[in-house]
Amino acid sequence: MVKDSTDADVPGATFIASVSRREEKGSDVNVATHLLSDVLRSTVEAAVVVSNDSDLKKPIELARRFVPVGLVNPTKGILAGALRDPQRRGTGAHWWYQLTESDFRDAQMPTTVGRLVCPSGW
């Protein structure tokens, strides 16, 4: 429903534009930092990165020299081409996975957990 400046519904109005803002929060830098820190300190034997951010190309490429890295794409879009490397590059055994709608549906918590209840419509 289209709303006016007072947040009141405007019956019969036509929605003609949508604005989506993506803000850089530095999360890709945090992921890269922790991934490389863990790999280079040998505190992990393998890694799984949940992202489709092509900014992670270099850190993932470097990590794959030392440990197998799995990549899970949480978006509906195809995997960013920059993130796909040959499965045998570096240590090898790298893999890719595209999350599906059923993955999300199957991972839902029970409708009641202790005193918490799932909202209706979920």
PDB file of N, CA and C in Angstrom:
ATOM      1  N   MET A   1       0.856  -1.185   0.000  1.00  0.00           N
ATOM      2  CA  MET A   1       0.000   0.000   0.000  1.00  0.00           C
ATOM      3  C   MET A   1       0.889   1.231   0.000  1.00  0.00           C
ATOM      4  N   VAL A   2       0.555   2.205  -0.814  1.00  0.00           N
ATOM      5  CA  VAL A   2       1.280   3.469  -0.868  1.00  0.00           C
ATOM      6  C   VAL A   2       0.817   4.343   0.289  1.00  0.00           C
ATOM      7  N   LYS A   3       1.773   5.015   0.939  1.00  0.00           N
ATOM      8  CA  LYS A   3       1.439   5.876   2.078  1.00  0.00           C
ATOM      9  C   LYS A   3       1.879   7.301   1.783  1.00  0.00           C
ATOM     10  N   ASP A   4       1.202   8.276   2.421  1.00  0.00           N
ATOM     11  CA  ASP A   4       1.601   9.668   2.252  1.00  0.00           C
ATOM     12  C   ASP A   4       2.597  10.055   3.346  1.00  0.00           C
ATOM     13  N   SER A   5       2.955  11.344   3.404  1.00  0.00           N
ATOM     14  CA  SER A   5       3.975  11.796   4.352  1.00  0.00           C
ATOM     15  C   SER A   5       3.546  11.662   5.809  1.00  0.00           C
ATOM     16  N   THR A   6       2.239  11.466   6.052  1.00  0.00           N
ATOM     17  CA  THR A   6       1.762  11.266   7.424  1.00  0.00           C
ATOM     18  C   THR A   6       1.588   9.790   7.741  1.00  0.00           C
ATOM     19  N   ASP A   7       2.049   8.920   6.841  1.00  0.00           N
ATOM     20  CA  ASP A   7       1.974   7.465   6.979  1.00  0.00           C
ATOM     21  C   ASP A   7       0.544   6.928   6.819  1.00  0.00           C
ATOM     22  N   ALA A   8      -0.336   7.732   6.197  1.00  0.00           N
ATOM     23  CA  ALA A   8      -1.707   7.290   5.941  1.00  0.00           C
ATOM     24  C   ALA A   8      -1.761   6.604   4.568  1.00  0.00           C
ATOM     25  N   ASP A   9      -2.573   5.553   4.459  1.00  0.00           N
ATOM     26  CA  ASP A   9      -2.749   4.860   3.185  1.00  0.00           C
ATOM     27  C   ASP A   9      -3.335   5.807   2.140  1.00  0.00           C
ATOM     28  N   VAL A  10      -2.906   5.630   0.887  1.00  0.00           N
ATOM     29  CA  VAL A  10      -3.418   6.420  -0.223  1.00  0.00           C
ATOM     30  C   VAL A  10      -4.121   5.456  -1.171  1.00  0.00           C
ATOM     31  N   PRO A  11      -5.444   5.283  -1.015  1.00  0.00           N
ATOM     32  CA  PRO A  11      -6.177   4.332  -1.859  1.00  0.00           C
ATOM     33  C   PRO A  11      -6.075   4.705  -3.338  1.00  0.00           C
ATOM     34  N   GLY A  12      -5.885   3.715  -4.191  1.00  0.00           N
ATOM     35  CA  GLY A  12      -5.846   3.929  -5.621  1.00  0.00           C
ATOM     36  C   GLY A  12      -4.517   4.444  -6.143  1.00  0.00           C
ATOM     37  N   ALA A  13      -3.572   4.716  -5.272  1.00  0.00           N
ATOM     38  CA  ALA A  13      -2.258   5.207  -5.725  1.00  0.00           C
ATOM     39  C   ALA A  13      -1.483   4.069  -6.375  1.00  0.00           C
ATOM     40  N   THR A  14      -0.635   4.427  -7.304  1.00  0.00           N
ATOM     41  CA  THR A  14       0.169   3.440  -8.014  1.00  0.00           C
ATOM     42  C   THR A  14       1.611   3.527  -7.543  1.00  0.00           C
ATOM     43  N   PHE A  15       2.145   2.395  -7.172  1.00  0.00           N
ATOM     44  CA  PHE A  15       3.537   2.305  -6.737  1.00  0.00           C
ATOM     45  C   PHE A  15       4.402   2.247  -7.986  1.00  0.00           C
ATOM     46  N   ILE A  16       5.300   3.240  -8.175  1.00  0.00           N
ATOM     47  CA  ILE A  16       6.059   3.278  -9.423  1.00  0.00           C
ATOM     48  C   ILE A  16       7.577   3.218  -9.235  1.00  0.00           C
ATOM     49  N   ALA A  17       8.063   3.267  -7.990  1.00  0.00           N
ATOM     50  CA  ALA A  17       9.512   3.230  -7.796  1.00  0.00           C
ATOM     51  C   ALA A  17       9.843   2.550  -6.484  1.00  0.00           C
ATOM     52  N   SER A  18      11.005   1.954  -6.448  1.00  0.00           N
ATOM     53  CA  SER A  18      11.501   1.328  -5.233  1.00  0.00           C
ATOM     54  C   SER A  18      12.983   1.667  -5.109  1.00  0.00           C
ATOM     55  N   VAL A  19      13.422   1.935  -3.893  1.00  0.00           N
ATOM     56  CA  VAL A  19      14.820   2.259  -3.658  1.00  0.00           C
ATOM     57  C   VAL A  19      15.382   1.256  -2.666  1.00  0.00           C
ATOM     58  N   SER A  20      16.509   0.686  -3.025  1.00  0.00           N
ATOM     59  CA  SER A  20      17.189  -0.247  -2.133  1.00  0.00           C
ATOM     60  C   SER A  20      18.588   0.281  -1.904  1.00  0.00           C
ATOM     61  N   ARG A  21      18.972   0.390  -0.651  1.00  0.00           N
ATOM     62  CA  ARG A  21      20.314   0.886  -0.332  1.00  0.00           C
ATOM     63  C   ARG A  21      21.124  -0.231   0.289  1.00  0.00           C
ATOM     64  N   ARG A  22      22.301  -0.409  -0.231  1.00  0.00           N
ATOM     65  CA  ARG A  22      23.238  -1.352   0.365  1.00  0.00           C
ATOM     66  C   ARG A  22      24.353  -0.526   0.980  1.00  0.00           C
ATOM     67  N   GLU A  23      24.590  -0.754   2.248  1.00  0.00           N
ATOM     68  CA  GLU A  23      25.643  -0.011   2.917  1.00  0.00           C
ATOM     69  C   GLU A  23      26.790  -0.950   3.238  1.00  0.00           C
ATOM     70  N   GLU A  24      27.979  -0.473   3.029  1.00  0.00           N
ATOM     71  CA  GLU A  24      29.178  -1.244   3.340  1.00  0.00           C
ATOM     72  C   GLU A  24      29.409  -1.178   4.844  1.00  0.00           C
ATOM     73  N   LYS A  25      29.396  -2.328   5.478  1.00  0.00           N
ATOM     74  CA  LYS A  25      29.583  -2.382   6.919  1.00  0.00           C
ATOM     75  C   LYS A  25      30.937  -2.959   7.297  1.00  0.00           C
ATOM     76  N   GLY A  26      31.738  -3.320   6.318  1.00  0.00           N
ATOM     77  CA  GLY A  26      33.038  -3.895   6.617  1.00  0.00           C
ATOM     78  C   GLY A  26      32.988  -5.361   6.971  1.00  0.00           C
ATOM     79  N   SER A  27      31.813  -5.993   6.815  1.00  0.00           N
ATOM     80  CA  SER A  27      31.705  -7.401   7.192  1.00  0.00           C
ATOM     81  C   SER A  27      32.585  -8.287   6.324  1.00  0.00           C
ATOM     82  N   ASP A  28      32.779  -7.930   5.041  1.00  0.00           N
ATOM     83  CA  ASP A  28      33.652  -8.735   4.186  1.00  0.00           C
ATOM     84  C   ASP A  28      35.093  -8.674   4.682  1.00  0.00           C
ATOM     85  N   VAL A  29      35.506  -7.524   5.187  1.00  0.00           N
ATOM     86  CA  VAL A  29      36.860  -7.392   5.735  1.00  0.00           C
ATOM     87  C   VAL A  29      36.993  -8.238   6.998  1.00  0.00           C
ATOM     88  N   ASN A  30      35.968  -8.250   7.828  1.00  0.00           N
ATOM     89  CA  ASN A  30      35.996  -9.064   9.045  1.00  0.00           C
ATOM     90  C   ASN A  30      36.068 -10.553   8.717  1.00  0.00           C
ATOM     91  N   VAL A  31      35.262 -10.992   7.757  1.00  0.00           N
ATOM     92  CA  VAL A  31      35.296 -12.396   7.347  1.00  0.00           C
ATOM     93  C   VAL A  31      36.679 -12.755   6.825  1.00  0.00           C
ATOM     94  N   ALA A  32      37.222 -11.925   5.955  1.00  0.00           N
ATOM     95  CA  ALA A  32      38.544 -12.188   5.378  1.00  0.00           C
ATOM     96  C   ALA A  32      39.619 -12.230   6.455  1.00  0.00           C
ATOM     97  N   THR A  33      39.565 -11.305   7.391  1.00  0.00           N
ATOM     98  CA  THR A  33      40.570 -11.244   8.452  1.00  0.00           C
ATOM     99  C   THR A  33      40.546 -12.505   9.303  1.00  0.00           C
ATOM    100  N   HIS A  34      39.369 -12.916   9.733  1.00  0.00           N
ATOM    101  CA  HIS A  34      39.266 -14.116  10.574  1.00  0.00           C
ATOM    102  C   HIS A  34      39.622 -15.383   9.799  1.00  0.00           C
ATOM    103  N   LEU A  35      39.182 -15.459   8.546  1.00  0.00           N
ATOM    104  CA  LEU A  35      39.513 -16.621   7.717  1.00  0.00           C
ATOM    105  C   LEU A  35      41.029 -16.771   7.603  1.00  0.00           C
ATOM    106  N   LEU A  36      41.705 -15.708   7.205  1.00  0.00           N
ATOM    107  CA  LEU A  36      43.151 -15.788   7.011  1.00  0.00           C
ATOM    108  C   LEU A  36      43.891 -15.982   8.327  1.00  0.00           C
ATOM    109  N   SER A  37      43.433 -15.350   9.385  1.00  0.00           N
ATOM    110  CA  SER A  37      44.062 -15.524  10.686  1.00  0.00           C
ATOM    111  C   SER A  37      43.983 -16.984  11.123  1.00  0.00           C
ATOM    112  N   ASP A  38      42.816 -17.581  11.022  1.00  0.00           N
ATOM    113  CA  ASP A  38      42.643 -18.986  11.422  1.00  0.00           C
ATOM    114  C   ASP A  38      43.468 -19.926  10.550  1.00  0.00           C
ATOM    115  N   VAL A  39      43.454 -19.684   9.245  1.00  0.00           N
ATOM    116  CA  VAL A  39      44.188 -20.557   8.325  1.00  0.00           C
ATOM    117  C   VAL A  39      45.692 -20.436   8.549  1.00  0.00           C
ATOM    118  N   LEU A  40      46.207 -19.226   8.631  1.00  0.00           N
ATOM    119  CA  LEU A  40      47.650 -19.035   8.738  1.00  0.00           C
ATOM    120  C   LEU A  40      48.205 -19.421  10.104  1.00  0.00           C
ATOM    121  N   ARG A  41      47.360 -19.423  11.145  1.00  0.00           N
ATOM    122  CA  ARG A  41      47.794 -19.899  12.465  1.00  0.00           C
ATOM    123  C   ARG A  41      47.576 -21.407  12.613  1.00  0.00           C
ATOM    124  N   SER A  42      47.063 -22.045  11.553  1.00  0.00           N
ATOM    125  CA  SER A  42      46.798 -23.493  11.551  1.00  0.00           C
ATOM    126  C   SER A  42      45.832 -23.910  12.657  1.00  0.00           C
ATOM    127  N   THR A  43      44.833 -23.068  12.939  1.00  0.00           N
ATOM    128  CA  THR A  43      43.838 -23.431  13.949  1.00  0.00           C
ATOM    129  C   THR A  43      42.623 -24.107  13.330  1.00  0.00           C
ATOM    130  N   VAL A  44      42.596 -24.219  11.988  1.00  0.00           N
ATOM    131  CA  VAL A  44      41.506 -24.913  11.299  1.00  0.00           C
ATOM    132  C   VAL A  44      42.098 -25.869  10.263  1.00  0.00           C
ATOM    133  N   GLU A  45      41.359 -26.949  10.002  1.00  0.00           N
ATOM    134  CA  GLU A  45      41.770 -27.906   8.975  1.00  0.00           C
ATOM    135  C   GLU A  45      41.023 -27.674   7.671  1.00  0.00           C
ATOM    136  N   ALA A  46      39.940 -26.915   7.741  1.00  0.00           N
ATOM    137  CA  ALA A  46      39.120 -26.568   6.584  1.00  0.00           C
ATOM    138  C   ALA A  46      38.278 -25.362   6.984  1.00  0.00           C
ATOM    139  N   ALA A  47      37.684 -24.708   6.005  1.00  0.00           N
ATOM    140  CA  ALA A  47      36.853 -23.546   6.290  1.00  0.00           C
ATOM    141  C   ALA A  47      35.614 -23.572   5.407  1.00  0.00           C
ATOM    142  N   VAL A  48      34.542 -22.982   5.914  1.00  0.00           N
ATOM    143  CA  VAL A  48      33.317 -22.788   5.151  1.00  0.00           C
ATOM    144  C   VAL A  48      32.976 -21.300   5.234  1.00  0.00           C
ATOM    145  N   VAL A  49      32.812 -20.674   4.085  1.00  0.00           N
ATOM    146  CA  VAL A  49      32.469 -19.257   4.016  1.00  0.00           C
ATOM    147  C   VAL A  49      31.059 -19.153   3.446  1.00  0.00           C
ATOM    148  N   VAL A  50      30.183 -18.457   4.160  1.00  0.00           N
ATOM    149  CA  VAL A  50      28.818 -18.243   3.691  1.00  0.00           C
ATOM    150  C   VAL A  50      28.748 -16.822   3.152  1.00  0.00           C
ATOM    151  N   SER A  51      28.850 -16.692   1.836  1.00  0.00           N
ATOM    152  CA  SER A  51      28.866 -15.377   1.203  1.00  0.00           C
ATOM    153  C   SER A  51      28.803 -15.531  -0.309  1.00  0.00           C
ATOM    154  N   ASN A  52      28.374 -14.472  -0.971  1.00  0.00           N
ATOM    155  CA  ASN A  52      28.471 -14.392  -2.423  1.00  0.00           C
ATOM    156  C   ASN A  52      29.125 -13.066  -2.794  1.00  0.00           C
ATOM    157  N   ASP A  53      29.987 -12.585  -1.909  1.00  0.00           N
ATOM    158  CA  ASP A  53      30.639 -11.294  -2.089  1.00  0.00           C
ATOM    159  C   ASP A  53      31.966 -11.488  -2.812  1.00  0.00           C
ATOM    160  N   SER A  54      32.057 -10.996  -4.034  1.00  0.00           N
ATOM    161  CA  SER A  54      33.264 -11.178  -4.833  1.00  0.00           C
ATOM    162  C   SER A  54      34.476 -10.453  -4.238  1.00  0.00           C
ATOM    163  N   ASP A  55      34.261  -9.547  -3.271  1.00  0.00           N
ATOM    164  CA  ASP A  55      35.389  -8.909  -2.585  1.00  0.00           C
ATOM    165  C   ASP A  55      36.223  -9.931  -1.810  1.00  0.00           C
ATOM    166  N   LEU A  56      35.662 -11.124  -1.567  1.00  0.00           N
ATOM    167  CA  LEU A  56      36.383 -12.157  -0.820  1.00  0.00           C
ATOM    168  C   LEU A  56      37.248 -13.036  -1.717  1.00  0.00           C
ATOM    169  N   LYS A  57      37.332 -12.710  -3.005  1.00  0.00           N
ATOM    170  CA  LYS A  57      38.096 -13.536  -3.944  1.00  0.00           C
ATOM    171  C   LYS A  57      39.512 -13.806  -3.473  1.00  0.00           C
ATOM    172  N   LYS A  58      40.279 -12.771  -3.203  1.00  0.00           N
ATOM    173  CA  LYS A  58      41.696 -12.941  -2.832  1.00  0.00           C
ATOM    174  C   LYS A  58      41.875 -13.683  -1.505  1.00  0.00           C
ATOM    175  N   PRO A  59      41.160 -13.318  -0.437  1.00  0.00           N
ATOM    176  CA  PRO A  59      41.354 -14.064   0.814  1.00  0.00           C
ATOM    177  C   PRO A  59      40.984 -15.537   0.680  1.00  0.00           C
ATOM    178  N   ILE A  60      39.918 -15.839  -0.063  1.00  0.00           N
ATOM    179  CA  ILE A  60      39.526 -17.235  -0.251  1.00  0.00           C
ATOM    180  C   ILE A  60      40.576 -17.952  -1.094  1.00  0.00           C
ATOM    181  N   GLU A  61      41.049 -17.287  -2.120  1.00  0.00           N
ATOM    182  CA  GLU A  61      42.091 -17.863  -2.976  1.00  0.00           C
ATOM    183  C   GLU A  61      43.345 -18.203  -2.150  1.00  0.00           C
ATOM    184  N   LEU A  62      43.743 -17.293  -1.268  1.00  0.00           N
ATOM    185  CA  LEU A  62      44.902 -17.535  -0.419  1.00  0.00           C
ATOM    186  C   LEU A  62      44.639 -18.666   0.573  1.00  0.00           C
ATOM    187  N   ALA A  63      43.476 -18.657   1.205  1.00  0.00           N
ATOM    188  CA  ALA A  63      43.144 -19.708   2.175  1.00  0.00           C
ATOM    189  C   ALA A  63      43.159 -21.080   1.516  1.00  0.00           C
ATOM    190  N   ARG A  64      42.713 -21.155   0.256  1.00  0.00           N
ATOM    191  CA  ARG A  64      42.661 -22.436  -0.455  1.00  0.00           C
ATOM    192  C   ARG A  64      44.052 -23.018  -0.735  1.00  0.00           C
ATOM    193  N   ARG A  65      45.091 -22.219  -0.608  1.00  0.00           N
ATOM    194  CA  ARG A  65      46.448 -22.755  -0.754  1.00  0.00           C
ATOM    195  C   ARG A  65      46.807 -23.670   0.415  1.00  0.00           C
ATOM    196  N   PHE A  66      46.141 -23.458   1.558  1.00  0.00           N
ATOM    197  CA  PHE A  66      46.501 -24.148   2.794  1.00  0.00           C
ATOM    198  C   PHE A  66      45.461 -25.154   3.282  1.00  0.00           C
ATOM    199  N   VAL A  67      44.177 -24.872   3.084  1.00  0.00           N
ATOM    200  CA  VAL A  67      43.111 -25.758   3.575  1.00  0.00           C
ATOM    201  C   VAL A  67      41.981 -25.814   2.545  1.00  0.00           C
ATOM    202  N   PRO A  68      41.194 -26.879   2.571  1.00  0.00           N
ATOM    203  CA  PRO A  68      39.995 -26.903   1.727  1.00  0.00           C
ATOM    204  C   PRO A  68      39.008 -25.825   2.196  1.00  0.00           C
ATOM    205  N   VAL A  69      38.389 -25.152   1.237  1.00  0.00           N
ATOM    206  CA  VAL A  69      37.416 -24.105   1.567  1.00  0.00           C
ATOM    207  C   VAL A  69      36.110 -24.399   0.837  1.00  0.00           C
ATOM    208  N   GLY A  70      35.045 -24.541   1.608  1.00  0.00           N
ATOM    209  CA  GLY A  70      33.707 -24.674   1.048  1.00  0.00           C
ATOM    210  C   GLY A  70      33.065 -23.302   1.000  1.00  0.00           C
ATOM    211  N   LEU A  71      32.275 -23.074  -0.011  1.00  0.00           N
ATOM    212  CA  LEU A  71      31.622 -21.786  -0.176  1.00  0.00           C
ATOM    213  C   LEU A  71      30.124 -21.995  -0.309  1.00  0.00           C
ATOM    214  N   VAL A  72      29.347 -21.371   0.573  1.00  0.00           N
ATOM    215  CA  VAL A  72      27.892 -21.468   0.549  1.00  0.00           C
ATOM    216  C   VAL A  72      27.329 -20.133   0.102  1.00  0.00           C
ATOM    217  N   ASN A  73      26.596 -20.152  -1.004  1.00  0.00           N
ATOM    218  CA  ASN A  73      25.964 -18.948  -1.539  1.00  0.00           C
ATOM    219  C   ASN A  73      24.572 -18.827  -0.914  1.00  0.00           C
ATOM    220  N   PRO A  74      24.346 -17.798  -0.072  1.00  0.00           N
ATOM    221  CA  PRO A  74      23.044 -17.658   0.585  1.00  0.00           C
ATOM    222  C   PRO A  74      22.028 -16.882  -0.238  1.00  0.00           C
ATOM    223  N   THR A  75      22.390 -16.454  -1.458  1.00  0.00           N
ATOM    224  CA  THR A  75      21.492 -15.631  -2.269  1.00  0.00           C
ATOM    225  C   THR A  75      20.784 -16.466  -3.324  1.00  0.00           C
ATOM    226  N   LYS A  76      19.779 -15.873  -3.943  1.00  0.00           N
ATOM    227  CA  LYS A  76      19.075 -16.547  -5.041  1.00  0.00           C
ATOM    228  C   LYS A  76      19.888 -16.513  -6.326  1.00  0.00           C
ATOM    229  N   GLY A  77      20.822 -15.557  -6.414  1.00  0.00           N
ATOM    230  CA  GLY A  77      21.625 -15.398  -7.619  1.00  0.00           C
ATOM    231  C   GLY A  77      22.687 -16.467  -7.754  1.00  0.00           C
ATOM    232  N   ILE A  78      23.266 -16.532  -8.940  1.00  0.00           N
ATOM    233  CA  ILE A  78      24.322 -17.506  -9.175  1.00  0.00           C
ATOM    234  C   ILE A  78      25.570 -17.097  -8.404  1.00  0.00           C
ATOM    235  N   LEU A  79      26.443 -18.048  -8.154  1.00  0.00           N
ATOM    236  CA  LEU A  79      27.675 -17.784  -7.435  1.00  0.00           C
ATOM    237  C   LEU A  79      28.513 -16.773  -8.202  1.00  0.00           C
ATOM    238  N   ALA A  80      29.018 -15.771  -7.489  1.00  0.00           N
ATOM    239  CA  ALA A  80      29.887 -14.778  -8.118  1.00  0.00           C
ATOM    240  C   ALA A  80      31.062 -15.506  -8.761  1.00  0.00           C
ATOM    241  N   GLY A  81      31.271 -15.266 -10.045  1.00  0.00           N
ATOM    242  CA  GLY A  81      32.317 -15.966 -10.793  1.00  0.00           C
ATOM    243  C   GLY A  81      33.696 -15.825 -10.182  1.00  0.00           C
ATOM    244  N   ALA A  82      33.967 -14.693  -9.534  1.00  0.00           N
ATOM    245  CA  ALA A  82      35.271 -14.475  -8.923  1.00  0.00           C
ATOM    246  C   ALA A  82      35.535 -15.441  -7.778  1.00  0.00           C
ATOM    247  N   LEU A  83      34.471 -16.032  -7.219  1.00  0.00           N
ATOM    248  CA  LEU A  83      34.633 -16.927  -6.068  1.00  0.00           C
ATOM    249  C   LEU A  83      34.828 -18.382  -6.472  1.00  0.00           C
ATOM    250  N   ARG A  84      34.633 -18.680  -7.735  1.00  0.00           N
ATOM    251  CA  ARG A  84      34.783 -20.069  -8.177  1.00  0.00           C
ATOM    252  C   ARG A  84      36.225 -20.305  -8.601  1.00  0.00           C
ATOM    253  N   ASP A  85      36.841 -21.289  -8.000  1.00  0.00           N
ATOM    254  CA  ASP A  85      38.209 -21.699  -8.319  1.00  0.00           C
ATOM    255  C   ASP A  85      38.158 -23.172  -8.693  1.00  0.00           C
ATOM    256  N   PRO A  86      39.158 -23.664  -9.397  1.00  0.00           N
ATOM    257  CA  PRO A  86      39.188 -25.104  -9.661  1.00  0.00           C
ATOM    258  C   PRO A  86      39.172 -25.886  -8.343  1.00  0.00           C
ATOM    259  N   GLN A  87      38.427 -26.969  -8.313  1.00  0.00           N
ATOM    260  CA  GLN A  87      38.274 -27.761  -7.097  1.00  0.00           C
ATOM    261  C   GLN A  87      39.617 -28.278  -6.577  1.00  0.00           C
ATOM    262  N   ARG A  88      40.574 -28.442  -7.468  1.00  0.00           N
ATOM    263  CA  ARG A  88      41.871 -29.016  -7.072  1.00  0.00           C
ATOM    264  C   ARG A  88      42.952 -27.972  -6.809  1.00  0.00           C
ATOM    265  N   ARG A  89      42.624 -26.691  -6.913  1.00  0.00           N
ATOM    266  CA  ARG A  89      43.641 -25.654  -6.682  1.00  0.00           C
ATOM    267  C   ARG A  89      44.112 -25.713  -5.226  1.00  0.00           C
ATOM    268  N   GLY A  90      45.379 -25.453  -5.011  1.00  0.00           N
ATOM    269  CA  GLY A  90      45.920 -25.450  -3.645  1.00  0.00           C
ATOM    270  C   GLY A  90      45.819 -26.817  -3.016  1.00  0.00           C
ATOM    271  N   THR A  91      45.227 -26.877  -1.847  1.00  0.00           N
ATOM    272  CA  THR A  91      45.092 -28.150  -1.146  1.00  0.00           C
ATOM    273  C   THR A  91      44.039 -29.036  -1.780  1.00  0.00           C
ATOM    274  N   GLY A  92      43.131 -28.443  -2.547  1.00  0.00           N
ATOM    275  CA  GLY A  92      42.065 -29.213  -3.187  1.00  0.00           C
ATOM    276  C   GLY A  92      40.901 -29.483  -2.237  1.00  0.00           C
ATOM    277  N   ALA A  93      39.922 -30.241  -2.756  1.00  0.00           N
ATOM    278  CA  ALA A  93      38.708 -30.623  -2.023  1.00  0.00           C
ATOM    279  C   ALA A  93      37.808 -29.428  -1.711  1.00  0.00           C
ATOM    280  N   HIS A  94      37.922 -28.355  -2.503  1.00  0.00           N
ATOM    281  CA  HIS A  94      37.048 -27.198  -2.314  1.00  0.00           C
ATOM    282  C   HIS A  94      35.666 -27.538  -2.873  1.00  0.00           C
ATOM    283  N   TRP A  95      34.628 -26.910  -2.330  1.00  0.00           N
ATOM    284  CA  TRP A  95      33.276 -27.188  -2.814  1.00  0.00           C
ATOM    285  C   TRP A  95      32.422 -25.922  -2.733  1.00  0.00           C
ATOM    286  N   TRP A  96      31.292 -25.983  -3.436  1.00  0.00           N
ATOM    287  CA  TRP A  96      30.356 -24.859  -3.527  1.00  0.00           C
ATOM    288  C   TRP A  96      28.947 -25.390  -3.302  1.00  0.00           C
ATOM    289  N   TYR A  97      28.095 -24.571  -2.690  1.00  0.00           N
ATOM    290  CA  TYR A  97      26.704 -24.967  -2.474  1.00  0.00           C
ATOM    291  C   TYR A  97      25.812 -23.741  -2.570  1.00  0.00           C
ATOM    292  N   GLN A  98      24.664 -23.900  -3.200  1.00  0.00           N
ATOM    293  CA  GLN A  98      23.664 -22.843  -3.331  1.00  0.00           C
ATOM    294  C   GLN A  98      22.519 -23.148  -2.374  1.00  0.00           C
ATOM    295  N   LEU A  99      22.300 -22.290  -1.374  1.00  0.00           N
ATOM    296  CA  LEU A  99      21.182 -22.515  -0.464  1.00  0.00           C
ATOM    297  C   LEU A  99      19.873 -22.405  -1.234  1.00  0.00           C
ATOM    298  N   THR A 100      18.936 -23.270  -0.886  1.00  0.00           N
ATOM    299  CA  THR A 100      17.630 -23.273  -1.537  1.00  0.00           C
ATOM    300  C   THR A 100      16.544 -22.883  -0.537  1.00  0.00           C
ATOM    301  N   GLU A 101      15.381 -22.626  -1.050  1.00  0.00           N
ATOM    302  CA  GLU A 101      14.252 -22.293  -0.193  1.00  0.00           C
ATOM    303  C   GLU A 101      13.976 -23.426   0.792  1.00  0.00           C
ATOM    304  N   SER A 102      14.094 -24.660   0.327  1.00  0.00           N
ATOM    305  CA  SER A 102      13.833 -25.800   1.226  1.00  0.00           C
ATOM    306  C   SER A 102      14.891 -25.891   2.326  1.00  0.00           C
ATOM    307  N   ASP A 103      16.133 -25.462   2.053  1.00  0.00           N
ATOM    308  CA  ASP A 103      17.149 -25.442   3.114  1.00  0.00           C
ATOM    309  C   ASP A 103      16.686 -24.553   4.263  1.00  0.00           C
ATOM    310  N   PHE A 104      16.173 -23.374   3.932  1.00  0.00           N
ATOM    311  CA  PHE A 104      15.688 -22.461   4.962  1.00  0.00           C
ATOM    312  C   PHE A 104      14.462 -23.036   5.671  1.00  0.00           C
ATOM    313  N   ARG A 105      13.548 -23.578   4.900  1.00  0.00           N
ATOM    314  CA  ARG A 105      12.331 -24.151   5.475  1.00  0.00           C
ATOM    315  C   ARG A 105      12.670 -25.312   6.406  1.00  0.00           C
ATOM    316  N   ASP A 106      13.580 -26.185   5.984  1.00  0.00           N
ATOM    317  CA  ASP A 106      13.943 -27.358   6.779  1.00  0.00           C
ATOM    318  C   ASP A 106      14.735 -27.004   8.039  1.00  0.00           C
ATOM    319  N   ALA A 107      15.317 -25.808   8.073  1.00  0.00           N
ATOM    320  CA  ALA A 107      16.142 -25.409   9.207  1.00  0.00           C
ATOM    321  C   ALA A 107      15.375 -24.599  10.251  1.00  0.00           C
ATOM    322  N   GLN A 108      14.065 -24.476  10.099  1.00  0.00           N
ATOM    323  CA  GLN A 108      13.272 -23.697  11.040  1.00  0.00           C
ATOM    324  C   GLN A 108      13.219 -24.380  12.408  1.00  0.00           C
ATOM    325  N   MET A 109      13.194 -23.574  13.442  1.00  0.00           N
ATOM    326  CA  MET A 109      13.056 -24.092  14.802  1.00  0.00           C
ATOM    327  C   MET A 109      11.632 -24.631  14.981  1.00  0.00           C
ATOM    328  N   PRO A 110      11.417 -25.465  15.989  1.00  0.00           N
ATOM    329  CA  PRO A 110      10.054 -25.914  16.276  1.00  0.00           C
ATOM    330  C   PRO A 110       9.161 -24.704  16.584  1.00  0.00           C
ATOM    331  N   THR A 111       7.847 -24.879  16.454  1.00  0.00           N
ATOM    332  CA  THR A 111       6.939 -23.750  16.687  1.00  0.00           C
ATOM    333  C   THR A 111       6.963 -23.273  18.131  1.00  0.00           C
ATOM    334  N   THR A 112       7.333 -24.141  19.054  1.00  0.00           N
ATOM    335  CA  THR A 112       7.447 -23.744  20.455  1.00  0.00           C
ATOM    336  C   THR A 112       8.794 -24.220  20.999  1.00  0.00           C
ATOM    337  N   VAL A 113       9.520 -23.298  21.611  1.00  0.00           N
ATOM    338  CA  VAL A 113      10.782 -23.622  22.270  1.00  0.00           C
ATOM    339  C   VAL A 113      10.718 -22.995  23.656  1.00  0.00           C
ATOM    340  N   GLY A 114      10.494 -23.836  24.667  1.00  0.00           N
ATOM    341  CA  GLY A 114      10.325 -23.297  26.019  1.00  0.00           C
ATOM    342  C   GLY A 114       9.113 -22.393  26.067  1.00  0.00           C
ATOM    343  N   ARG A 115       9.327 -21.145  26.490  1.00  0.00           N
ATOM    344  CA  ARG A 115       8.226 -20.170  26.541  1.00  0.00           C
ATOM    345  C   ARG A 115       8.075 -19.400  25.256  1.00  0.00           C
ATOM    346  N   LEU A 116       8.979 -19.606  24.306  1.00  0.00           N
ATOM    347  CA  LEU A 116       8.944 -18.872  23.044  1.00  0.00           C
ATOM    348  C   LEU A 116       8.053 -19.584  22.047  1.00  0.00           C
ATOM    349  N   VAL A 117       7.253 -18.803  21.313  1.00  0.00           N
ATOM    350  CA  VAL A 117       6.332 -19.361  20.317  1.00  0.00           C
ATOM    351  C   VAL A 117       6.571 -18.655  18.994  1.00  0.00           C
ATOM    352  N   CYS A 118       6.609 -19.433  17.930  1.00  0.00           N
ATOM    353  CA  CYS A 118       6.798 -18.898  16.600  1.00  0.00           C
ATOM    354  C   CYS A 118       5.612 -17.998  16.230  1.00  0.00           C
ATOM    355  N   PRO A 119       5.867 -16.829  15.662  1.00  0.00           N
ATOM    356  CA  PRO A 119       4.765 -15.951  15.245  1.00  0.00           C
ATOM    357  C   PRO A 119       3.887 -16.641  14.194  1.00  0.00           C
ATOM    358  N   SER A 120       2.598 -16.359  14.232  1.00  0.00           N
ATOM    359  CA  SER A 120       1.706 -16.959  13.242  1.00  0.00           C
ATOM    360  C   SER A 120       2.085 -16.469  11.848  1.00  0.00           C
ATOM    361  N   GLY A 121       1.948 -17.332  10.869  1.00  0.00           N
ATOM    362  CA  GLY A 121       2.284 -16.980   9.495  1.00  0.00           C
ATOM    363  C   GLY A 121       3.708 -17.327   9.104  1.00  0.00           C
ATOM    364  N   TRP A 122       4.521 -17.763  10.040  1.00  0.00           N
ATOM    365  CA  TRP A 122       5.891 -18.145   9.717  1.00  0.00           C
ATOM    366  C   TRP A 122       5.930 -19.562   9.248  1.00  0.00           C
TER     367      TRP A 122
END
